[in-house]
Amino acid sequence: MSLVVRVISPDQTVWDNAAEEVILPSTTGQLGILPGHAPLLTALDTGVMRVRVNKDWLPIALMGGFAEVEDNEVTVLVNGAERGDAIDRATAQSEYSNAEQGISQAESPQAKIKAAQSLKRARARLLAAGGSV
């Protein structure tokens, strides 16, 4: 038995295939989904979703949204998503370094919030690309 997993962003379907397991970055922590999981609706944080297919893990950077689990179908609706194998690691590392600098240079509360959001997005992309922070 397997799951049908769909990751849908406003401009594209990032993933629509079968999988054995999914790990979601929910707002309350990592959430593992296996076949037979109880129905669920959860908010997703910016982070890395991992999809297991044939013993291999595919990372997908998610930029917040929602996930629904029902009848072995996982539907992930997000503001943005990018497969890890489509992200250039060097570019992601550079973006992460720039975002870290943005945090230290932010002065106003609004600038600090914006810089923190940029850092979360850059971190998710870097981790999905196989980098480390």
N, C-alpha and C. Protein backbone atom coordinates (compact mmCIF):
# COMPACT_ATOMS: atom_id res chain seq x y z
N MET A 1 0.84 -1.17 0.00
CA MET A 1 0.00 0.00 0.00
C MET A 1 0.90 1.25 0.00
N SER A 2 0.47 2.28 -0.73
CA SER A 2 1.26 3.51 -0.79
C SER A 2 0.34 4.72 -0.70
N LEU A 3 0.97 5.87 -0.65
CA LEU A 3 0.27 7.14 -0.59
C LEU A 3 0.30 7.79 -1.97
N VAL A 4 -0.72 8.56 -2.28
CA VAL A 4 -0.69 9.43 -3.44
C VAL A 4 -0.40 10.82 -2.89
N VAL A 5 0.70 11.41 -3.34
CA VAL A 5 1.14 12.70 -2.80
C VAL A 5 1.10 13.75 -3.91
N ARG A 6 0.44 14.87 -3.59
CA ARG A 6 0.39 16.00 -4.52
C ARG A 6 0.87 17.25 -3.79
N VAL A 7 1.82 17.94 -4.39
CA VAL A 7 2.31 19.22 -3.86
C VAL A 7 1.96 20.26 -4.91
N ILE A 8 1.08 21.19 -4.53
CA ILE A 8 0.55 22.16 -5.48
C ILE A 8 0.82 23.57 -4.97
N SER A 9 1.47 24.36 -5.81
CA SER A 9 1.69 25.78 -5.52
C SER A 9 0.81 26.58 -6.48
N PRO A 10 0.69 27.89 -6.30
CA PRO A 10 -0.19 28.66 -7.18
C PRO A 10 0.16 28.58 -8.67
N ASP A 11 1.43 28.38 -8.99
CA ASP A 11 1.82 28.40 -10.40
C ASP A 11 2.17 27.04 -11.00
N GLN A 12 2.22 25.99 -10.18
CA GLN A 12 2.60 24.68 -10.74
C GLN A 12 2.29 23.54 -9.76
N THR A 13 2.23 22.34 -10.31
CA THR A 13 2.19 21.13 -9.50
C THR A 13 3.63 20.64 -9.40
N VAL A 14 4.18 20.67 -8.18
CA VAL A 14 5.59 20.34 -7.98
C VAL A 14 5.79 18.84 -7.90
N TRP A 15 4.81 18.11 -7.36
CA TRP A 15 4.93 16.66 -7.22
C TRP A 15 3.55 16.05 -7.30
N ASP A 16 3.37 15.01 -8.06
CA ASP A 16 2.10 14.27 -8.14
C ASP A 16 2.45 12.83 -8.47
N ASN A 17 2.67 12.04 -7.41
CA ASN A 17 3.14 10.68 -7.61
C ASN A 17 2.87 9.86 -6.36
N ALA A 18 3.15 8.57 -6.45
CA ALA A 18 3.02 7.68 -5.29
C ALA A 18 4.27 7.76 -4.42
N ALA A 19 4.09 7.49 -3.13
CA ALA A 19 5.21 7.50 -2.19
C ALA A 19 4.88 6.54 -1.05
N GLU A 20 5.93 6.08 -0.36
CA GLU A 20 5.74 5.18 0.77
C GLU A 20 5.59 5.95 2.09
N GLU A 21 6.17 7.14 2.15
CA GLU A 21 6.16 7.92 3.40
C GLU A 21 6.38 9.38 3.07
N VAL A 22 5.83 10.26 3.92
CA VAL A 22 6.00 11.70 3.77
C VAL A 22 6.30 12.28 5.15
N ILE A 23 7.24 13.21 5.20
CA ILE A 23 7.50 13.96 6.43
C ILE A 23 7.25 15.42 6.11
N LEU A 24 6.30 16.02 6.86
CA LEU A 24 5.88 17.40 6.61
C LEU A 24 6.41 18.34 7.69
N PRO A 25 6.75 19.58 7.31
CA PRO A 25 7.16 20.57 8.30
C PRO A 25 5.94 21.32 8.84
N SER A 26 5.19 20.72 9.75
CA SER A 26 4.00 21.39 10.27
C SER A 26 4.41 22.51 11.22
N THR A 27 3.46 23.36 11.55
CA THR A 27 3.75 24.49 12.42
C THR A 27 4.05 24.04 13.85
N THR A 28 3.75 22.79 14.18
CA THR A 28 4.03 22.27 15.52
C THR A 28 5.19 21.29 15.54
N GLY A 29 5.87 21.11 14.41
CA GLY A 29 7.01 20.20 14.33
C GLY A 29 6.88 19.26 13.15
N GLN A 30 7.83 18.36 13.02
CA GLN A 30 7.83 17.40 11.91
C GLN A 30 6.67 16.41 12.09
N LEU A 31 6.01 16.09 10.99
CA LEU A 31 4.85 15.21 11.02
C LEU A 31 5.03 14.11 9.99
N GLY A 32 5.11 12.86 10.44
CA GLY A 32 5.28 11.73 9.54
C GLY A 32 3.95 11.14 9.12
N ILE A 33 3.82 10.84 7.84
CA ILE A 33 2.60 10.27 7.27
C ILE A 33 2.95 8.95 6.59
N LEU A 34 2.29 7.89 7.02
CA LEU A 34 2.42 6.56 6.41
C LEU A 34 1.06 6.14 5.87
N PRO A 35 1.02 5.13 4.98
CA PRO A 35 -0.27 4.62 4.51
C PRO A 35 -1.15 4.22 5.70
N GLY A 36 -2.44 4.51 5.59
CA GLY A 36 -3.38 4.19 6.65
C GLY A 36 -3.49 5.28 7.71
N HIS A 37 -2.84 6.41 7.51
CA HIS A 37 -2.88 7.50 8.48
C HIS A 37 -4.31 8.02 8.63
N ALA A 38 -4.65 8.43 9.83
CA ALA A 38 -5.97 9.00 10.11
C ALA A 38 -6.14 10.31 9.34
N PRO A 39 -7.38 10.66 9.00
CA PRO A 39 -7.62 11.93 8.32
C PRO A 39 -7.05 13.09 9.13
N LEU A 40 -6.50 14.07 8.43
CA LEU A 40 -5.79 15.16 9.10
C LEU A 40 -5.78 16.39 8.21
N LEU A 41 -5.89 17.55 8.84
CA LEU A 41 -5.68 18.83 8.17
C LEU A 41 -4.73 19.61 9.05
N THR A 42 -3.60 20.07 8.49
CA THR A 42 -2.60 20.76 9.29
C THR A 42 -2.00 21.94 8.54
N ALA A 43 -1.61 22.95 9.31
CA ALA A 43 -0.88 24.08 8.74
C ALA A 43 0.58 23.70 8.59
N LEU A 44 1.20 24.18 7.53
CA LEU A 44 2.61 23.89 7.28
C LEU A 44 3.45 25.14 7.44
N ASP A 45 4.64 24.97 7.99
CA ASP A 45 5.59 26.04 8.15
C ASP A 45 6.53 26.05 6.95
N THR A 46 7.30 27.10 6.81
CA THR A 46 8.35 27.11 5.80
C THR A 46 9.41 26.11 6.25
N GLY A 47 9.74 25.17 5.39
CA GLY A 47 10.70 24.14 5.74
C GLY A 47 10.83 23.11 4.63
N VAL A 48 11.38 21.96 4.98
CA VAL A 48 11.63 20.92 3.98
C VAL A 48 10.69 19.74 4.21
N MET A 49 9.95 19.40 3.16
CA MET A 49 9.12 18.20 3.14
C MET A 49 9.98 17.10 2.53
N ARG A 50 9.87 15.90 3.08
CA ARG A 50 10.63 14.77 2.53
C ARG A 50 9.64 13.69 2.09
N VAL A 51 9.86 13.19 0.87
CA VAL A 51 9.00 12.16 0.28
C VAL A 51 9.87 10.93 0.03
N ARG A 52 9.45 9.78 0.56
CA ARG A 52 10.22 8.54 0.36
C ARG A 52 9.59 7.74 -0.77
N VAL A 53 10.41 7.49 -1.80
CA VAL A 53 9.99 6.69 -2.95
C VAL A 53 11.07 5.65 -3.19
N ASN A 54 10.71 4.37 -3.11
CA ASN A 54 11.66 3.27 -3.34
C ASN A 54 12.94 3.43 -2.51
N LYS A 55 12.81 3.68 -1.25
CA LYS A 55 13.91 3.82 -0.30
C LYS A 55 14.76 5.07 -0.49
N ASP A 56 14.43 5.92 -1.45
CA ASP A 56 15.13 7.18 -1.67
C ASP A 56 14.26 8.32 -1.15
N TRP A 57 14.91 9.32 -0.57
CA TRP A 57 14.20 10.48 -0.04
C TRP A 57 14.37 11.67 -0.98
N LEU A 58 13.26 12.28 -1.36
CA LEU A 58 13.26 13.48 -2.19
C LEU A 58 12.87 14.67 -1.31
N PRO A 59 13.77 15.65 -1.16
CA PRO A 59 13.42 16.84 -0.38
C PRO A 59 12.73 17.88 -1.27
N ILE A 60 11.72 18.54 -0.70
CA ILE A 60 11.02 19.61 -1.39
C ILE A 60 10.92 20.79 -0.42
N ALA A 61 11.44 21.94 -0.83
CA ALA A 61 11.35 23.14 0.00
C ALA A 61 9.94 23.70 -0.11
N LEU A 62 9.29 23.89 1.04
CA LEU A 62 7.93 24.43 1.08
C LEU A 62 7.96 25.82 1.72
N MET A 63 7.13 26.71 1.22
CA MET A 63 7.08 28.07 1.74
C MET A 63 5.77 28.33 2.47
N GLY A 64 5.37 27.39 3.32
CA GLY A 64 4.16 27.55 4.13
C GLY A 64 2.90 27.21 3.36
N GLY A 65 1.91 26.71 4.06
CA GLY A 65 0.64 26.35 3.44
C GLY A 65 -0.13 25.39 4.32
N PHE A 66 -0.82 24.44 3.68
CA PHE A 66 -1.65 23.48 4.39
C PHE A 66 -1.49 22.10 3.77
N ALA A 67 -1.75 21.07 4.57
CA ALA A 67 -1.74 19.69 4.06
C ALA A 67 -2.99 18.99 4.55
N GLU A 68 -3.54 18.17 3.68
CA GLU A 68 -4.71 17.35 4.03
C GLU A 68 -4.35 15.89 3.77
N VAL A 69 -4.66 15.04 4.73
CA VAL A 69 -4.45 13.60 4.59
C VAL A 69 -5.81 12.93 4.70
N GLU A 70 -6.16 12.14 3.68
CA GLU A 70 -7.43 11.42 3.72
C GLU A 70 -7.38 10.28 2.70
N ASP A 71 -7.77 9.10 3.14
CA ASP A 71 -7.83 7.92 2.26
C ASP A 71 -6.53 7.68 1.49
N ASN A 72 -5.40 7.72 2.19
CA ASN A 72 -4.08 7.49 1.61
C ASN A 72 -3.72 8.49 0.52
N GLU A 73 -4.30 9.68 0.58
CA GLU A 73 -3.94 10.77 -0.30
C GLU A 73 -3.46 11.94 0.55
N VAL A 74 -2.31 12.48 0.19
CA VAL A 74 -1.74 13.63 0.88
C VAL A 74 -1.73 14.78 -0.13
N THR A 75 -2.53 15.80 0.15
CA THR A 75 -2.59 16.97 -0.71
C THR A 75 -1.95 18.13 0.04
N VAL A 76 -0.92 18.70 -0.56
CA VAL A 76 -0.17 19.79 0.05
C VAL A 76 -0.37 21.04 -0.81
N LEU A 77 -1.03 22.05 -0.23
CA LEU A 77 -1.26 23.31 -0.91
C LEU A 77 -0.36 24.35 -0.26
N VAL A 78 0.55 24.92 -1.05
CA VAL A 78 1.56 25.81 -0.47
C VAL A 78 1.67 27.11 -1.26
N ASN A 79 2.26 28.12 -0.60
CA ASN A 79 2.50 29.41 -1.23
C ASN A 79 3.59 29.30 -2.29
N GLY A 80 4.53 28.39 -2.09
CA GLY A 80 5.61 28.16 -3.04
C GLY A 80 6.30 26.86 -2.69
N ALA A 81 6.87 26.20 -3.67
CA ALA A 81 7.58 24.94 -3.44
C ALA A 81 8.61 24.74 -4.54
N GLU A 82 9.68 24.04 -4.17
CA GLU A 82 10.75 23.77 -5.13
C GLU A 82 11.41 22.44 -4.77
N ARG A 83 11.52 21.57 -5.74
CA ARG A 83 12.19 20.29 -5.51
C ARG A 83 13.67 20.53 -5.23
N GLY A 84 14.21 19.76 -4.30
CA GLY A 84 15.61 19.91 -3.93
C GLY A 84 16.56 19.68 -5.08
N ASP A 85 16.22 18.74 -5.98
CA ASP A 85 17.11 18.45 -7.10
C ASP A 85 17.08 19.54 -8.18
N ALA A 86 16.20 20.54 -8.03
CA ALA A 86 16.13 21.65 -8.98
C ALA A 86 16.80 22.91 -8.42
N ILE A 87 17.33 22.82 -7.21
CA ILE A 87 17.95 23.98 -6.56
C ILE A 87 19.47 23.86 -6.66
N ASP A 88 20.12 24.92 -7.13
CA ASP A 88 21.58 24.96 -7.18
C ASP A 88 22.11 25.21 -5.77
N ARG A 89 22.91 24.28 -5.27
CA ARG A 89 23.39 24.35 -3.89
C ARG A 89 24.23 25.60 -3.63
N ALA A 90 25.11 25.97 -4.56
CA ALA A 90 25.97 27.14 -4.38
C ALA A 90 25.14 28.42 -4.29
N THR A 91 24.13 28.53 -5.14
CA THR A 91 23.25 29.70 -5.11
C THR A 91 22.47 29.74 -3.81
N ALA A 92 21.97 28.59 -3.39
CA ALA A 92 21.22 28.52 -2.13
C ALA A 92 22.11 28.89 -0.94
N GLN A 93 23.36 28.45 -0.96
CA GLN A 93 24.30 28.80 0.12
C GLN A 93 24.54 30.30 0.15
N SER A 94 24.70 30.90 -1.01
CA SER A 94 24.92 32.34 -1.11
C SER A 94 23.69 33.11 -0.59
N GLU A 95 22.50 32.66 -0.97
CA GLU A 95 21.27 33.31 -0.51
C GLU A 95 21.14 33.20 1.01
N TYR A 96 21.52 32.05 1.56
CA TYR A 96 21.45 31.85 3.01
C TYR A 96 22.42 32.80 3.72
N SER A 97 23.63 32.92 3.21
CA SER A 97 24.62 33.83 3.80
C SER A 97 24.13 35.28 3.75
N ASN A 98 23.55 35.67 2.63
CA ASN A 98 23.01 37.03 2.50
C ASN A 98 21.85 37.25 3.47
N ALA A 99 21.01 36.24 3.65
CA ALA A 99 19.88 36.36 4.57
C ALA A 99 20.37 36.48 6.01
N GLU A 100 21.44 35.76 6.36
CA GLU A 100 22.02 35.89 7.71
C GLU A 100 22.53 37.30 7.94
N GLN A 101 23.18 37.87 6.93
CA GLN A 101 23.65 39.25 7.05
C GLN A 101 22.48 40.21 7.19
N GLY A 102 21.40 39.94 6.48
CA GLY A 102 20.21 40.78 6.56
C GLY A 102 19.63 40.82 7.96
N ILE A 103 19.71 39.70 8.66
CA ILE A 103 19.21 39.64 10.05
C ILE A 103 20.03 40.58 10.93
N SER A 104 21.35 40.53 10.79
CA SER A 104 22.21 41.35 11.66
C SER A 104 22.12 42.83 11.31
N GLN A 105 21.73 43.16 10.08
CA GLN A 105 21.67 44.55 9.67
C GLN A 105 20.29 45.17 9.86
N ALA A 106 19.28 44.37 10.13
CA ALA A 106 17.92 44.88 10.29
C ALA A 106 17.81 45.70 11.57
N GLU A 107 17.18 46.86 11.46
CA GLU A 107 17.07 47.74 12.63
C GLU A 107 15.64 47.88 13.13
N SER A 108 14.69 48.12 12.23
CA SER A 108 13.30 48.30 12.66
C SER A 108 12.64 46.95 12.90
N PRO A 109 11.57 46.91 13.70
CA PRO A 109 10.86 45.64 13.91
C PRO A 109 10.35 45.01 12.61
N GLN A 110 9.86 45.84 11.69
CA GLN A 110 9.37 45.32 10.41
C GLN A 110 10.50 44.72 9.59
N ALA A 111 11.65 45.38 9.60
CA ALA A 111 12.81 44.88 8.86
C ALA A 111 13.29 43.56 9.46
N LYS A 112 13.24 43.45 10.79
CA LYS A 112 13.66 42.21 11.44
C LYS A 112 12.73 41.05 11.09
N ILE A 113 11.43 41.32 11.04
CA ILE A 113 10.46 40.28 10.67
C ILE A 113 10.69 39.83 9.23
N LYS A 114 10.85 40.80 8.34
CA LYS A 114 11.09 40.48 6.92
C LYS A 114 12.39 39.70 6.75
N ALA A 115 13.44 40.10 7.47
CA ALA A 115 14.73 39.40 7.39
C ALA A 115 14.61 37.98 7.93
N ALA A 116 13.85 37.79 9.01
CA ALA A 116 13.66 36.45 9.58
C ALA A 116 12.92 35.54 8.60
N GLN A 117 11.93 36.08 7.91
CA GLN A 117 11.19 35.29 6.91
C GLN A 117 12.11 34.93 5.74
N SER A 118 12.92 35.86 5.31
CA SER A 118 13.88 35.58 4.23
C SER A 118 14.86 34.50 4.64
N LEU A 119 15.31 34.54 5.88
CA LEU A 119 16.25 33.53 6.38
C LEU A 119 15.59 32.15 6.41
N LYS A 120 14.32 32.06 6.83
CA LYS A 120 13.62 30.78 6.84
C LYS A 120 13.50 30.19 5.44
N ARG A 121 13.16 31.05 4.47
CA ARG A 121 13.04 30.58 3.08
C ARG A 121 14.39 30.12 2.54
N ALA A 122 15.43 30.91 2.80
CA ALA A 122 16.77 30.55 2.33
C ALA A 122 17.25 29.26 2.98
N ARG A 123 16.96 29.09 4.27
CA ARG A 123 17.36 27.87 4.99
C ARG A 123 16.66 26.64 4.39
N ALA A 124 15.36 26.77 4.12
CA ALA A 124 14.60 25.65 3.54
C ALA A 124 15.18 25.26 2.17
N ARG A 125 15.47 26.25 1.34
CA ARG A 125 16.03 25.97 0.02
C ARG A 125 17.40 25.30 0.12
N LEU A 126 18.25 25.80 1.05
CA LEU A 126 19.58 25.24 1.21
C LEU A 126 19.51 23.79 1.70
N LEU A 127 18.67 23.52 2.68
CA LEU A 127 18.55 22.15 3.19
C LEU A 127 17.98 21.21 2.13
N ALA A 128 17.01 21.69 1.35
CA ALA A 128 16.44 20.85 0.29
C ALA A 128 17.47 20.55 -0.79
N ALA A 129 18.39 21.48 -1.01
CA ALA A 129 19.43 21.28 -2.03
C ALA A 129 20.55 20.35 -1.54
N GLY A 130 20.50 19.97 -0.26
CA GLY A 130 21.51 19.06 0.27
C GLY A 130 22.60 19.75 1.04
N GLY A 131 22.46 21.05 1.25
CA GLY A 131 23.44 21.79 2.02
C GLY A 131 23.18 21.66 3.52
N SER A 132 24.03 22.29 4.30
CA SER A 132 23.83 22.28 5.75
C SER A 132 23.96 23.70 6.29
N VAL A 133 23.35 23.91 7.43
CA VAL A 133 23.39 25.23 8.05
C VAL A 133 24.11 25.18 9.38
